[in-house]
Amino acid sequence: MLKRILPFLPLIFIIACVPDISDPNIQAAVINSLTATVWTPVPPSLTPTPEPNTSKIVEILNSIMVGSDPLLETVDAKFSVVDAQIFLNQATQEATTIRISVDCEWIFSDSCTPETTFVKLMRVFAASDKVIERIANQIPPTIHTVEMLAFDHMKATGVIAITWADLVDYSYGKINGNQLGSRIIRQAATP
């Protein structure tokens, strides 16, 4: 008879250790654990970052910009993103502007104009759909202006501004370079 009961002994032991499910606290804990297991997790790449991660923006842009065109970097100029900043609207305290600072180091002749630097940065954003998506995940959804602060050997040379919507449209191919170029606002660099 013991041989017949022996295989069921672990099952009997488990049943004996089951907590009293009639206790409301245990019922609530079981329901909460079951509810948590059926939630659909949202991948982190699809949810906007509540706090801007500007160092991640610099890293993403430089991973494409630096070393992407050895011929350009040997003969013309080297470009690198040195900073990204989020600015708040004074009245509403909402994040409305992202400023991306790009340094240019020319090789043989001074070709580091703000316009050349802007074109290089826009090509980085348009390199693939994933670039604009990865940047969008690092900034607040209230951003509506993008400023590019150009540097020539770490000396500020000018600012070019566009709307975030235009940058996104250009990156996805919804507007072309002519359209984007006609929508820029050129400003002098301020210290």
N, C-alpha and C. Protein backbone atom coordinates (compact mmCIF):
# COMPACT_ATOMS: atom_id res chain seq x y z
N MET A 1 0.81 -1.19 0.00
CA MET A 1 0.00 0.00 0.00
C MET A 1 0.87 1.27 0.00
N LEU A 2 1.98 1.25 0.72
CA LEU A 2 2.88 2.39 0.76
C LEU A 2 3.45 2.68 -0.63
N LYS A 3 3.67 1.63 -1.45
CA LYS A 3 4.18 1.82 -2.79
C LYS A 3 3.17 2.58 -3.65
N ARG A 4 1.88 2.39 -3.36
CA ARG A 4 0.85 3.08 -4.14
C ARG A 4 0.73 4.55 -3.72
N ILE A 5 0.98 4.88 -2.49
CA ILE A 5 0.85 6.25 -1.98
C ILE A 5 2.12 7.06 -2.24
N LEU A 6 3.27 6.42 -2.28
CA LEU A 6 4.56 7.10 -2.43
C LEU A 6 4.62 8.05 -3.64
N PRO A 7 4.14 7.67 -4.83
CA PRO A 7 4.20 8.62 -5.95
C PRO A 7 3.34 9.87 -5.73
N PHE A 8 2.30 9.77 -4.92
CA PHE A 8 1.40 10.90 -4.70
C PHE A 8 1.79 11.73 -3.49
N LEU A 9 2.82 11.31 -2.77
CA LEU A 9 3.25 12.01 -1.56
C LEU A 9 3.63 13.47 -1.82
N PRO A 10 4.39 13.81 -2.88
CA PRO A 10 4.69 15.23 -3.12
C PRO A 10 3.43 16.05 -3.39
N LEU A 11 2.48 15.47 -4.10
CA LEU A 11 1.23 16.18 -4.37
C LEU A 11 0.45 16.42 -3.09
N ILE A 12 0.40 15.43 -2.23
CA ILE A 12 -0.30 15.57 -0.95
C ILE A 12 0.39 16.64 -0.11
N PHE A 13 1.71 16.67 -0.15
CA PHE A 13 2.47 17.67 0.62
C PHE A 13 2.18 19.09 0.10
N ILE A 14 2.12 19.25 -1.23
CA ILE A 14 1.83 20.57 -1.81
C ILE A 14 0.44 21.03 -1.43
N ILE A 15 -0.52 20.14 -1.51
CA ILE A 15 -1.90 20.49 -1.16
C ILE A 15 -1.99 20.88 0.31
N ALA A 16 -1.25 20.20 1.14
CA ALA A 16 -1.28 20.50 2.57
C ALA A 16 -0.68 21.87 2.87
N CYS A 17 0.22 22.35 2.01
CA CYS A 17 0.87 23.64 2.25
C CYS A 17 0.17 24.81 1.58
N VAL A 18 -0.86 24.57 0.82
CA VAL A 18 -1.57 25.65 0.13
C VAL A 18 -2.23 26.55 1.18
N PRO A 19 -2.08 27.87 1.03
CA PRO A 19 -2.69 28.76 2.01
C PRO A 19 -4.21 28.75 1.88
N ASP A 20 -4.84 29.25 2.90
CA ASP A 20 -6.31 29.32 2.95
C ASP A 20 -6.76 30.40 1.97
N ILE A 21 -7.39 29.99 0.86
CA ILE A 21 -7.78 30.93 -0.19
C ILE A 21 -9.03 31.71 0.22
N SER A 22 -9.68 31.33 1.27
CA SER A 22 -10.85 32.10 1.70
C SER A 22 -10.45 33.40 2.39
N ASP A 23 -9.16 33.56 2.72
CA ASP A 23 -8.67 34.80 3.33
C ASP A 23 -8.68 35.91 2.27
N PRO A 24 -9.38 37.05 2.49
CA PRO A 24 -9.47 38.13 1.49
C PRO A 24 -8.11 38.72 1.10
N ASN A 25 -7.17 38.78 2.02
CA ASN A 25 -5.84 39.31 1.69
C ASN A 25 -5.11 38.41 0.69
N ILE A 26 -5.24 37.11 0.87
CA ILE A 26 -4.61 36.16 -0.05
C ILE A 26 -5.31 36.22 -1.41
N GLN A 27 -6.62 36.33 -1.40
CA GLN A 27 -7.36 36.44 -2.66
C GLN A 27 -6.90 37.68 -3.45
N ALA A 28 -6.75 38.80 -2.76
CA ALA A 28 -6.33 40.04 -3.42
C ALA A 28 -4.92 39.88 -3.99
N ALA A 29 -4.03 39.24 -3.24
CA ALA A 29 -2.66 39.04 -3.71
C ALA A 29 -2.64 38.14 -4.95
N VAL A 30 -3.45 37.09 -4.95
CA VAL A 30 -3.52 36.19 -6.11
C VAL A 30 -4.07 36.94 -7.32
N ILE A 31 -5.13 37.71 -7.14
CA ILE A 31 -5.74 38.45 -8.25
C ILE A 31 -4.75 39.48 -8.80
N ASN A 32 -4.05 40.20 -7.93
CA ASN A 32 -3.07 41.19 -8.39
C ASN A 32 -1.93 40.54 -9.15
N SER A 33 -1.48 39.37 -8.69
CA SER A 33 -0.39 38.71 -9.41
C SER A 33 -0.86 38.18 -10.75
N LEU A 34 -2.09 37.72 -10.84
CA LEU A 34 -2.61 37.25 -12.12
C LEU A 34 -2.83 38.42 -13.09
N THR A 35 -3.30 39.55 -12.56
CA THR A 35 -3.51 40.73 -13.40
C THR A 35 -2.18 41.21 -13.96
N ALA A 36 -1.14 41.21 -13.14
CA ALA A 36 0.17 41.68 -13.60
C ALA A 36 0.73 40.78 -14.69
N THR A 37 0.39 39.50 -14.67
CA THR A 37 0.94 38.61 -15.69
C THR A 37 0.26 38.75 -17.04
N VAL A 38 -0.94 39.34 -17.09
CA VAL A 38 -1.61 39.48 -18.38
C VAL A 38 -1.43 40.86 -18.99
N TRP A 39 -0.80 41.79 -18.31
CA TRP A 39 -0.54 43.10 -18.90
C TRP A 39 0.42 42.93 -20.06
N THR A 40 0.20 43.70 -21.10
CA THR A 40 1.09 43.66 -22.25
C THR A 40 2.20 44.67 -22.02
N PRO A 41 3.44 44.22 -21.92
CA PRO A 41 4.52 45.18 -21.71
C PRO A 41 4.75 46.01 -22.97
N VAL A 42 5.06 47.29 -22.78
CA VAL A 42 5.38 48.18 -23.89
C VAL A 42 6.89 48.27 -23.98
N PRO A 43 7.45 47.95 -25.15
CA PRO A 43 8.91 48.04 -25.27
C PRO A 43 9.39 49.45 -24.96
N PRO A 44 10.55 49.59 -24.32
CA PRO A 44 11.03 50.92 -23.94
C PRO A 44 11.25 51.85 -25.12
N SER A 45 11.48 51.30 -26.31
CA SER A 45 11.74 52.16 -27.47
C SER A 45 10.48 52.87 -27.96
N LEU A 46 9.29 52.44 -27.49
CA LEU A 46 8.06 53.05 -27.97
C LEU A 46 7.47 54.05 -26.98
N THR A 47 8.04 54.16 -25.81
CA THR A 47 7.51 55.08 -24.82
C THR A 47 8.44 56.28 -24.69
N PRO A 48 7.89 57.50 -24.72
CA PRO A 48 8.76 58.66 -24.60
C PRO A 48 9.39 58.75 -23.21
N THR A 49 10.61 59.19 -23.18
CA THR A 49 11.33 59.34 -21.94
C THR A 49 10.75 60.53 -21.17
N PRO A 50 10.33 60.33 -19.92
CA PRO A 50 9.78 61.46 -19.17
C PRO A 50 10.82 62.55 -18.90
N GLU A 51 12.04 62.16 -18.64
CA GLU A 51 13.12 63.11 -18.44
C GLU A 51 14.05 63.02 -19.65
N PRO A 52 14.36 64.16 -20.26
CA PRO A 52 15.23 64.11 -21.44
C PRO A 52 16.59 63.54 -21.10
N ASN A 53 17.10 62.71 -22.00
CA ASN A 53 18.42 62.12 -21.82
C ASN A 53 19.33 62.69 -22.91
N THR A 54 19.90 63.86 -22.64
CA THR A 54 20.68 64.56 -23.66
C THR A 54 22.00 63.85 -23.97
N SER A 55 22.58 63.16 -23.01
CA SER A 55 23.82 62.44 -23.30
C SER A 55 23.56 61.29 -24.27
N LYS A 56 22.40 60.68 -24.18
CA LYS A 56 22.03 59.61 -25.11
C LYS A 56 21.85 60.18 -26.52
N ILE A 57 21.30 61.39 -26.62
CA ILE A 57 21.13 62.03 -27.92
C ILE A 57 22.49 62.26 -28.57
N VAL A 58 23.44 62.77 -27.81
CA VAL A 58 24.80 62.99 -28.32
C VAL A 58 25.40 61.67 -28.79
N GLU A 59 25.23 60.63 -27.99
CA GLU A 59 25.76 59.31 -28.32
C GLU A 59 25.14 58.76 -29.61
N ILE A 60 23.83 58.87 -29.76
CA ILE A 60 23.13 58.35 -30.94
C ILE A 60 23.62 59.08 -32.19
N LEU A 61 23.67 60.41 -32.14
CA LEU A 61 24.07 61.17 -33.32
C LEU A 61 25.54 60.93 -33.68
N ASN A 62 26.42 60.88 -32.69
CA ASN A 62 27.84 60.64 -32.97
C ASN A 62 28.11 59.23 -33.48
N SER A 63 27.28 58.27 -33.09
CA SER A 63 27.48 56.91 -33.58
C SER A 63 27.33 56.84 -35.10
N ILE A 64 26.61 57.79 -35.68
CA ILE A 64 26.43 57.83 -37.13
C ILE A 64 27.34 58.88 -37.76
N MET A 65 27.51 60.01 -37.09
CA MET A 65 28.25 61.12 -37.68
C MET A 65 29.76 60.89 -37.70
N VAL A 66 30.32 60.44 -36.62
CA VAL A 66 31.77 60.31 -36.50
C VAL A 66 32.23 59.03 -37.20
N GLY A 67 33.12 59.19 -38.16
CA GLY A 67 33.68 58.05 -38.86
C GLY A 67 32.83 57.51 -40.00
N SER A 68 31.72 58.16 -40.29
CA SER A 68 30.82 57.63 -41.33
C SER A 68 31.32 57.91 -42.75
N ASP A 69 32.15 58.95 -42.90
CA ASP A 69 32.63 59.31 -44.24
C ASP A 69 34.13 59.61 -44.14
N PRO A 70 34.97 58.58 -44.21
CA PRO A 70 36.41 58.78 -44.07
C PRO A 70 37.00 59.74 -45.10
N LEU A 71 36.47 59.75 -46.32
CA LEU A 71 36.97 60.67 -47.34
C LEU A 71 36.71 62.11 -46.92
N LEU A 72 35.49 62.40 -46.49
CA LEU A 72 35.14 63.74 -46.02
C LEU A 72 36.03 64.14 -44.85
N GLU A 73 36.24 63.22 -43.92
CA GLU A 73 37.02 63.52 -42.72
C GLU A 73 38.51 63.66 -43.02
N THR A 74 38.98 63.13 -44.13
CA THR A 74 40.38 63.24 -44.50
C THR A 74 40.66 64.49 -45.32
N VAL A 75 39.74 64.86 -46.21
CA VAL A 75 39.97 65.94 -47.16
C VAL A 75 39.28 67.24 -46.77
N ASP A 76 38.10 67.16 -46.19
CA ASP A 76 37.30 68.36 -45.97
C ASP A 76 37.21 68.74 -44.50
N ALA A 77 36.41 68.01 -43.73
CA ALA A 77 36.21 68.38 -42.32
C ALA A 77 35.68 67.21 -41.52
N LYS A 78 35.91 67.28 -40.22
CA LYS A 78 35.38 66.29 -39.28
C LYS A 78 34.28 66.96 -38.46
N PHE A 79 33.18 66.25 -38.28
CA PHE A 79 32.05 66.79 -37.53
C PHE A 79 31.77 65.89 -36.33
N SER A 80 31.36 66.51 -35.22
CA SER A 80 30.94 65.73 -34.06
C SER A 80 29.97 66.55 -33.23
N VAL A 81 28.97 65.86 -32.69
CA VAL A 81 28.02 66.50 -31.79
C VAL A 81 28.69 66.60 -30.43
N VAL A 82 28.74 67.81 -29.89
CA VAL A 82 29.42 68.01 -28.60
C VAL A 82 28.44 68.23 -27.45
N ASP A 83 27.19 68.57 -27.75
CA ASP A 83 26.23 68.79 -26.68
C ASP A 83 24.81 68.77 -27.23
N ALA A 84 23.88 68.49 -26.35
CA ALA A 84 22.45 68.61 -26.64
C ALA A 84 21.80 69.17 -25.38
N GLN A 85 20.96 70.17 -25.55
CA GLN A 85 20.32 70.82 -24.42
C GLN A 85 18.83 70.96 -24.69
N ILE A 86 18.04 70.88 -23.64
CA ILE A 86 16.60 71.10 -23.72
C ILE A 86 16.31 72.42 -23.02
N PHE A 87 15.58 73.31 -23.71
CA PHE A 87 15.23 74.60 -23.13
C PHE A 87 13.73 74.67 -22.83
N LEU A 88 13.40 75.32 -21.70
CA LEU A 88 12.02 75.44 -21.28
C LEU A 88 11.44 76.79 -21.69
N ASN A 89 10.17 76.81 -21.99
CA ASN A 89 9.44 78.05 -22.21
C ASN A 89 9.32 78.75 -20.85
N GLN A 90 9.70 80.01 -20.79
CA GLN A 90 9.70 80.73 -19.51
C GLN A 90 8.31 80.82 -18.88
N ALA A 91 7.28 81.02 -19.70
CA ALA A 91 5.93 81.20 -19.17
C ALA A 91 5.30 79.88 -18.71
N THR A 92 5.42 78.85 -19.54
CA THR A 92 4.73 77.59 -19.24
C THR A 92 5.61 76.56 -18.54
N GLN A 93 6.92 76.76 -18.57
CA GLN A 93 7.90 75.82 -18.03
C GLN A 93 7.84 74.45 -18.73
N GLU A 94 7.36 74.44 -19.98
CA GLU A 94 7.37 73.23 -20.79
C GLU A 94 8.63 73.21 -21.64
N ALA A 95 9.14 72.01 -21.88
CA ALA A 95 10.29 71.85 -22.77
C ALA A 95 9.82 72.09 -24.20
N THR A 96 10.39 73.11 -24.85
CA THR A 96 9.93 73.47 -26.20
C THR A 96 11.03 73.43 -27.25
N THR A 97 12.29 73.51 -26.84
CA THR A 97 13.39 73.62 -27.79
C THR A 97 14.50 72.65 -27.43
N ILE A 98 15.04 71.99 -28.44
CA ILE A 98 16.25 71.20 -28.26
C ILE A 98 17.34 71.87 -29.09
N ARG A 99 18.48 72.10 -28.45
CA ARG A 99 19.62 72.69 -29.15
C ARG A 99 20.71 71.63 -29.23
N ILE A 100 21.15 71.37 -30.45
CA ILE A 100 22.21 70.40 -30.70
C ILE A 100 23.44 71.17 -31.16
N SER A 101 24.53 71.04 -30.42
CA SER A 101 25.77 71.74 -30.75
C SER A 101 26.68 70.79 -31.51
N VAL A 102 27.14 71.25 -32.70
CA VAL A 102 27.97 70.42 -33.57
C VAL A 102 29.27 71.17 -33.86
N ASP A 103 30.39 70.50 -33.58
CA ASP A 103 31.70 71.09 -33.86
C ASP A 103 32.20 70.57 -35.19
N CYS A 104 32.87 71.46 -35.93
CA CYS A 104 33.46 71.13 -37.22
C CYS A 104 34.94 71.50 -37.16
N GLU A 105 35.78 70.59 -37.60
CA GLU A 105 37.23 70.84 -37.68
C GLU A 105 37.65 70.66 -39.12
N TRP A 106 37.93 71.77 -39.80
CA TRP A 106 38.32 71.69 -41.21
C TRP A 106 39.74 71.19 -41.35
N ILE A 107 40.01 70.61 -42.51
CA ILE A 107 41.32 69.98 -42.74
C ILE A 107 42.24 70.92 -43.52
N PHE A 108 41.90 71.26 -44.78
CA PHE A 108 42.78 72.09 -45.61
C PHE A 108 42.29 73.52 -45.75
N SER A 109 41.00 73.71 -45.86
CA SER A 109 40.46 75.06 -45.98
C SER A 109 39.22 75.17 -45.12
N ASP A 110 38.91 76.38 -44.72
CA ASP A 110 37.79 76.59 -43.81
C ASP A 110 36.47 76.33 -44.53
N SER A 111 35.95 75.13 -44.33
CA SER A 111 34.66 74.77 -44.90
C SER A 111 33.61 74.55 -43.82
N CYS A 112 33.88 75.07 -42.63
CA CYS A 112 32.99 74.85 -41.49
C CYS A 112 31.97 75.97 -41.34
N THR A 113 31.11 76.12 -42.31
CA THR A 113 30.04 77.11 -42.20
C THR A 113 28.88 76.49 -41.43
N PRO A 114 28.04 77.31 -40.82
CA PRO A 114 26.85 76.76 -40.16
C PRO A 114 25.97 75.95 -41.12
N GLU A 115 25.91 76.38 -42.37
CA GLU A 115 25.08 75.68 -43.34
C GLU A 115 25.62 74.28 -43.64
N THR A 116 26.94 74.17 -43.80
CA THR A 116 27.56 72.86 -44.05
C THR A 116 27.34 71.94 -42.86
N THR A 117 27.49 72.49 -41.68
CA THR A 117 27.30 71.71 -40.46
C THR A 117 25.85 71.26 -40.33
N PHE A 118 24.91 72.14 -40.67
CA PHE A 118 23.48 71.82 -40.62
C PHE A 118 23.16 70.68 -41.59
N VAL A 119 23.68 70.75 -42.80
CA VAL A 119 23.44 69.70 -43.80
C VAL A 119 23.96 68.36 -43.29
N LYS A 120 25.16 68.37 -42.71
CA LYS A 120 25.73 67.13 -42.17
C LYS A 120 24.83 66.56 -41.08
N LEU A 121 24.33 67.41 -40.17
CA LEU A 121 23.46 66.95 -39.10
C LEU A 121 22.15 66.40 -39.66
N MET A 122 21.57 67.06 -40.65
CA MET A 122 20.31 66.59 -41.23
C MET A 122 20.48 65.24 -41.91
N ARG A 123 21.64 65.02 -42.53
CA ARG A 123 21.90 63.72 -43.16
C ARG A 123 21.99 62.61 -42.12
N VAL A 124 22.49 62.96 -40.94
CA VAL A 124 22.55 61.98 -39.85
C VAL A 124 21.13 61.61 -39.42
N PHE A 125 20.27 62.61 -39.24
CA PHE A 125 18.89 62.34 -38.84
C PHE A 125 18.17 61.49 -39.89
N ALA A 126 18.47 61.71 -41.16
CA ALA A 126 17.79 61.00 -42.24
C ALA A 126 18.47 59.69 -42.61
N ALA A 127 19.53 59.32 -41.90
CA ALA A 127 20.28 58.10 -42.24
C ALA A 127 19.39 56.87 -42.21
N SER A 128 18.47 56.80 -41.28
CA SER A 128 17.48 55.72 -41.22
C SER A 128 16.33 56.16 -40.33
N ASP A 129 15.20 55.49 -40.48
CA ASP A 129 14.03 55.82 -39.66
C ASP A 129 14.32 55.62 -38.18
N LYS A 130 15.23 54.73 -37.86
CA LYS A 130 15.52 54.43 -36.47
C LYS A 130 16.20 55.58 -35.76
N VAL A 131 16.95 56.41 -36.47
CA VAL A 131 17.65 57.52 -35.83
C VAL A 131 16.63 58.50 -35.26
N ILE A 132 15.69 58.95 -36.08
CA ILE A 132 14.70 59.93 -35.60
C ILE A 132 13.85 59.32 -34.49
N GLU A 133 13.54 58.04 -34.58
CA GLU A 133 12.76 57.37 -33.53
C GLU A 133 13.53 57.31 -32.22
N ARG A 134 14.82 56.98 -32.31
CA ARG A 134 15.64 56.89 -31.10
C ARG A 134 15.80 58.26 -30.45
N ILE A 135 15.94 59.30 -31.25
CA ILE A 135 16.04 60.65 -30.69
C ILE A 135 14.71 61.07 -30.07
N ALA A 136 13.62 60.80 -30.77
CA ALA A 136 12.29 61.16 -30.26
C ALA A 136 12.00 60.49 -28.92
N ASN A 137 12.54 59.30 -28.71
CA ASN A 137 12.34 58.61 -27.44
C ASN A 137 13.12 59.23 -26.29
N GLN A 138 14.03 60.13 -26.59
CA GLN A 138 14.86 60.75 -25.55
C GLN A 138 14.42 62.17 -25.21
N ILE A 139 13.41 62.69 -25.90
CA ILE A 139 12.99 64.08 -25.66
C ILE A 139 11.52 64.13 -25.29
N PRO A 140 11.11 65.19 -24.60
CA PRO A 140 9.70 65.34 -24.26
C PRO A 140 8.85 65.58 -25.52
N PRO A 141 7.59 65.17 -25.50
CA PRO A 141 6.73 65.36 -26.67
C PRO A 141 6.35 66.83 -26.91
N THR A 142 6.69 67.72 -25.99
CA THR A 142 6.37 69.15 -26.15
C THR A 142 7.39 69.90 -26.99
N ILE A 143 8.47 69.26 -27.40
CA ILE A 143 9.50 69.91 -28.22
C ILE A 143 8.90 70.27 -29.58
N HIS A 144 9.09 71.53 -29.98
CA HIS A 144 8.61 71.94 -31.31
C HIS A 144 9.67 72.66 -32.13
N THR A 145 10.82 72.99 -31.53
CA THR A 145 11.88 73.69 -32.25
C THR A 145 13.20 72.97 -32.07
N VAL A 146 13.95 72.86 -33.16
CA VAL A 146 15.29 72.30 -33.12
C VAL A 146 16.26 73.40 -33.54
N GLU A 147 17.24 73.66 -32.69
CA GLU A 147 18.30 74.62 -33.02
C GLU A 147 19.61 73.86 -33.14
N MET A 148 20.35 74.16 -34.18
CA MET A 148 21.68 73.60 -34.34
C MET A 148 22.67 74.74 -34.14
N LEU A 149 23.49 74.64 -33.11
CA LEU A 149 24.53 75.62 -32.83
C LEU A 149 25.81 75.09 -33.45
N ALA A 150 26.32 75.80 -34.47
CA ALA A 150 27.52 75.36 -35.18
C ALA A 150 28.76 75.95 -34.54
N PHE A 151 29.80 75.12 -34.47
CA PHE A 151 31.10 75.52 -33.97
C PHE A 151 32.15 75.25 -35.04
N ASP A 152 33.17 76.10 -35.07
CA ASP A 152 34.34 75.88 -35.90
C ASP A 152 35.52 75.82 -34.94
N HIS A 153 36.07 74.63 -34.74
CA HIS A 153 37.12 74.44 -33.73
C HIS A 153 36.68 75.01 -32.39
N MET A 154 35.47 74.68 -31.97
CA MET A 154 34.87 75.06 -30.69
C MET A 154 34.64 76.57 -30.54
N LYS A 155 34.57 77.29 -31.65
CA LYS A 155 34.18 78.70 -31.63
C LYS A 155 32.82 78.79 -32.31
N ALA A 156 31.81 79.28 -31.58
CA ALA A 156 30.45 79.34 -32.11
C ALA A 156 30.40 80.24 -33.35
N THR A 157 29.77 79.74 -34.41
CA THR A 157 29.71 80.49 -35.67
C THR A 157 28.30 80.84 -36.11
N GLY A 158 27.29 80.16 -35.61
CA GLY A 158 25.93 80.48 -36.03
C GLY A 158 24.93 79.45 -35.53
N VAL A 159 23.67 79.84 -35.62
CA VAL A 159 22.57 78.97 -35.21
C VAL A 159 21.61 78.84 -36.38
N ILE A 160 21.16 77.63 -36.63
CA ILE A 160 20.12 77.39 -37.63
C ILE A 160 18.99 76.68 -36.91
N ALA A 161 17.77 77.20 -37.08
CA ALA A 161 16.61 76.63 -36.41
C ALA A 161 15.59 76.14 -37.43
N ILE A 162 14.92 75.06 -37.06
CA ILE A 162 13.80 74.52 -37.84
C ILE A 162 12.79 73.97 -36.86
N THR A 163 11.62 73.62 -37.34
CA THR A 163 10.64 73.00 -36.46
C THR A 163 10.93 71.52 -36.33
N TRP A 164 10.55 70.96 -35.21
CA TRP A 164 10.71 69.51 -34.99
C TRP A 164 9.89 68.75 -36.03
N ALA A 165 8.70 69.25 -36.35
CA ALA A 165 7.83 68.58 -37.33
C ALA A 165 8.52 68.52 -38.70
N ASP A 166 9.18 69.60 -39.11
CA ASP A 166 9.89 69.60 -40.39
C ASP A 166 11.06 68.61 -40.38
N LEU A 167 11.77 68.53 -39.27
CA LEU A 167 12.87 67.58 -39.16
C LEU A 167 12.36 66.14 -39.27
N VAL A 168 11.27 65.85 -38.59
CA VAL A 168 10.68 64.51 -38.65
C VAL A 168 10.22 64.21 -40.08
N ASP A 169 9.54 65.16 -40.70
CA ASP A 169 9.07 64.95 -42.08
C ASP A 169 10.24 64.73 -43.04
N TYR A 170 11.32 65.48 -42.89
CA TYR A 170 12.49 65.31 -43.74
C TYR A 170 13.12 63.93 -43.51
N SER A 171 13.21 63.52 -42.26
CA SER A 171 13.82 62.23 -41.92
C SER A 171 13.05 61.07 -42.52
N TYR A 172 11.73 61.19 -42.59
CA TYR A 172 10.89 60.13 -43.16
C TYR A 172 10.65 60.31 -44.66
N GLY A 173 11.24 61.35 -45.27
CA GLY A 173 11.10 61.57 -46.70
C GLY A 173 9.78 62.20 -47.11
N LYS A 174 9.07 62.81 -46.16
CA LYS A 174 7.80 63.46 -46.47
C LYS A 174 7.99 64.84 -47.09
N ILE A 175 9.13 65.47 -46.79
CA ILE A 175 9.51 66.70 -47.48
C ILE A 175 10.93 66.50 -47.99
N ASN A 176 11.30 67.23 -49.04
CA ASN A 176 12.64 67.06 -49.60
C ASN A 176 13.59 68.15 -49.09
N GLY A 177 14.83 68.07 -49.53
CA GLY A 177 15.86 69.02 -49.09
C GLY A 177 15.55 70.45 -49.47
N ASN A 178 14.93 70.66 -50.64
CA ASN A 178 14.57 72.01 -51.04
C ASN A 178 13.57 72.61 -50.05
N GLN A 179 12.58 71.81 -49.68
CA GLN A 179 11.57 72.30 -48.75
C GLN A 179 12.17 72.59 -47.38
N LEU A 180 12.98 71.66 -46.89
CA LEU A 180 13.61 71.86 -45.59
C LEU A 180 14.51 73.09 -45.61
N GLY A 181 15.31 73.22 -46.68
CA GLY A 181 16.22 74.36 -46.79
C GLY A 181 15.51 75.70 -46.82
N SER A 182 14.31 75.73 -47.40
CA SER A 182 13.57 76.99 -47.47
C SER A 182 12.91 77.35 -46.15
N ARG A 183 12.89 76.42 -45.21
CA ARG A 183 12.20 76.65 -43.93
C ARG A 183 13.16 76.95 -42.77
N ILE A 184 14.46 76.98 -43.02
CA ILE A 184 15.40 77.23 -41.93
C ILE A 184 15.42 78.70 -41.55
N ILE A 185 15.78 78.95 -40.31
CA ILE A 185 15.97 80.31 -39.81
C ILE A 185 17.42 80.40 -39.36
N ARG A 186 18.16 81.30 -39.99
CA ARG A 186 19.60 81.47 -39.70
C ARG A 186 19.77 82.62 -38.71
N GLN A 187 20.56 82.39 -37.66
CA GLN A 187 20.81 83.40 -36.64
C GLN A 187 22.30 83.48 -36.36
N ALA A 188 22.72 84.60 -35.86
CA ALA A 188 24.12 84.74 -35.42
C ALA A 188 24.28 83.99 -34.11
N ALA A 189 25.47 83.49 -33.88
CA ALA A 189 25.74 82.79 -32.62
C ALA A 189 25.86 83.79 -31.49
N THR A 190 25.26 83.46 -30.37
CA THR A 190 25.38 84.31 -29.18
C THR A 190 26.11 83.51 -28.11
N PRO A 191 26.95 84.16 -27.34
CA PRO A 191 27.72 83.43 -26.34
C PRO A 191 26.86 82.85 -25.24
